[in-house]
Amino acid sequence: MIASDCANVISSIRGKAMGRHGHVVQEIKARSDEFEKVEFLHEGSRANIDAHRLARFFLYEAAGNFLHIIEVKD
């Protein structure tokens, strides 16, 4: 199961639309054929808060060297 918080990405992978990242979508589809079963699903960013915060940080903060430690609780 592969999840993304970007509905457009999941829609592109599931459908025929290639969009501006068509070459990446084609690669994902080609690689998914190597698995017995693959499901692509959309999850809101709240499903993985740490990954969402980390991605937003790198998109909007100044460039530099950073160390991110994420505590995983069972």
Protein backbone atom coordinates (compact mmCIF):
# COMPACT_ATOMS: atom_id res chain seq x y z
CA MET A 1 0.00 0.00 0.00
CA ILE A 2 1.40 3.35 -1.05
CA ALA A 3 -0.12 6.50 0.41
CA SER A 4 0.26 10.15 -0.45
CA ASP A 5 -1.30 13.30 0.94
CA CYS A 6 -1.45 14.72 -2.60
CA ALA A 7 -4.75 13.78 -4.22
CA ASN A 8 -3.48 14.90 -7.66
CA VAL A 9 -0.58 12.44 -7.51
CA ILE A 10 -2.83 9.53 -6.61
CA SER A 11 -5.30 10.53 -9.32
CA SER A 12 -2.51 10.64 -11.91
CA ILE A 13 -1.18 7.22 -10.86
CA ARG A 14 -4.63 5.63 -10.92
CA GLY A 15 -5.73 7.26 -14.17
CA LYS A 16 -4.39 8.10 -17.59
CA ALA A 17 -3.57 11.75 -16.97
CA MET A 18 0.15 12.31 -17.00
CA GLY A 19 0.39 15.93 -15.91
CA ARG A 20 3.63 17.83 -15.64
CA HIS A 21 5.35 14.95 -13.86
CA GLY A 22 4.30 12.33 -16.39
CA HIS A 23 7.70 10.65 -16.55
CA VAL A 24 7.62 10.04 -12.79
CA VAL A 25 4.06 8.68 -12.97
CA GLN A 26 5.09 6.33 -15.79
CA GLU A 27 7.99 5.05 -13.67
CA ILE A 28 5.72 4.47 -10.67
CA LYS A 29 3.24 2.54 -12.82
CA ALA A 30 6.03 0.45 -14.39
CA ARG A 31 7.54 -0.39 -10.99
CA SER A 32 4.16 -1.24 -9.49
CA ASP A 33 3.86 -4.09 -12.03
CA GLU A 34 6.75 -5.80 -10.20
CA PHE A 35 4.53 -6.39 -7.16
CA GLU A 36 1.82 -8.97 -6.73
CA LYS A 37 -0.62 -6.33 -5.49
CA VAL A 38 -0.27 -2.56 -5.11
CA GLU A 39 -2.81 -0.05 -3.85
CA PHE A 40 -2.39 3.70 -4.13
CA LEU A 41 -4.44 5.73 -1.70
CA HIS A 42 -4.87 9.33 -0.67
CA GLU A 43 -4.42 10.14 3.01
CA GLY A 44 -4.73 13.59 4.44
CA SER A 45 -1.59 15.22 5.79
CA ARG A 46 -2.88 14.62 9.31
CA ALA A 47 -2.32 10.88 8.81
CA ASN A 48 1.42 11.45 8.99
CA ILE A 49 2.09 14.70 10.79
CA ASP A 50 5.87 14.25 11.08
CA ALA A 51 6.37 13.63 7.35
CA HIS A 52 4.07 16.54 6.51
CA ARG A 53 5.96 18.95 8.77
CA LEU A 54 9.32 17.79 7.45
CA ALA A 55 8.24 18.24 3.82
CA ARG A 56 6.80 21.70 4.47
CA PHE A 57 9.94 22.71 6.33
CA PHE A 58 12.16 21.91 3.36
CA LEU A 59 9.78 23.61 0.94
CA TYR A 60 9.47 26.89 2.80
CA GLU A 61 12.55 27.33 5.01
CA ALA A 62 15.93 28.68 3.96
CA ALA A 63 18.47 26.22 2.60
CA GLY A 64 21.01 24.84 5.02
CA ASN A 65 22.16 21.77 6.87
CA PHE A 66 19.65 20.27 9.28
CA LEU A 67 19.29 17.19 11.44
CA HIS A 68 15.76 15.99 12.15
CA ILE A 69 15.11 13.45 14.87
CA ILE A 70 11.64 11.97 14.93
CA GLU A 71 10.59 9.96 17.94
CA VAL A 72 8.53 6.90 17.09
CA LYS A 73 6.14 5.78 19.82
CA ASP A 74 4.59 2.34 19.83
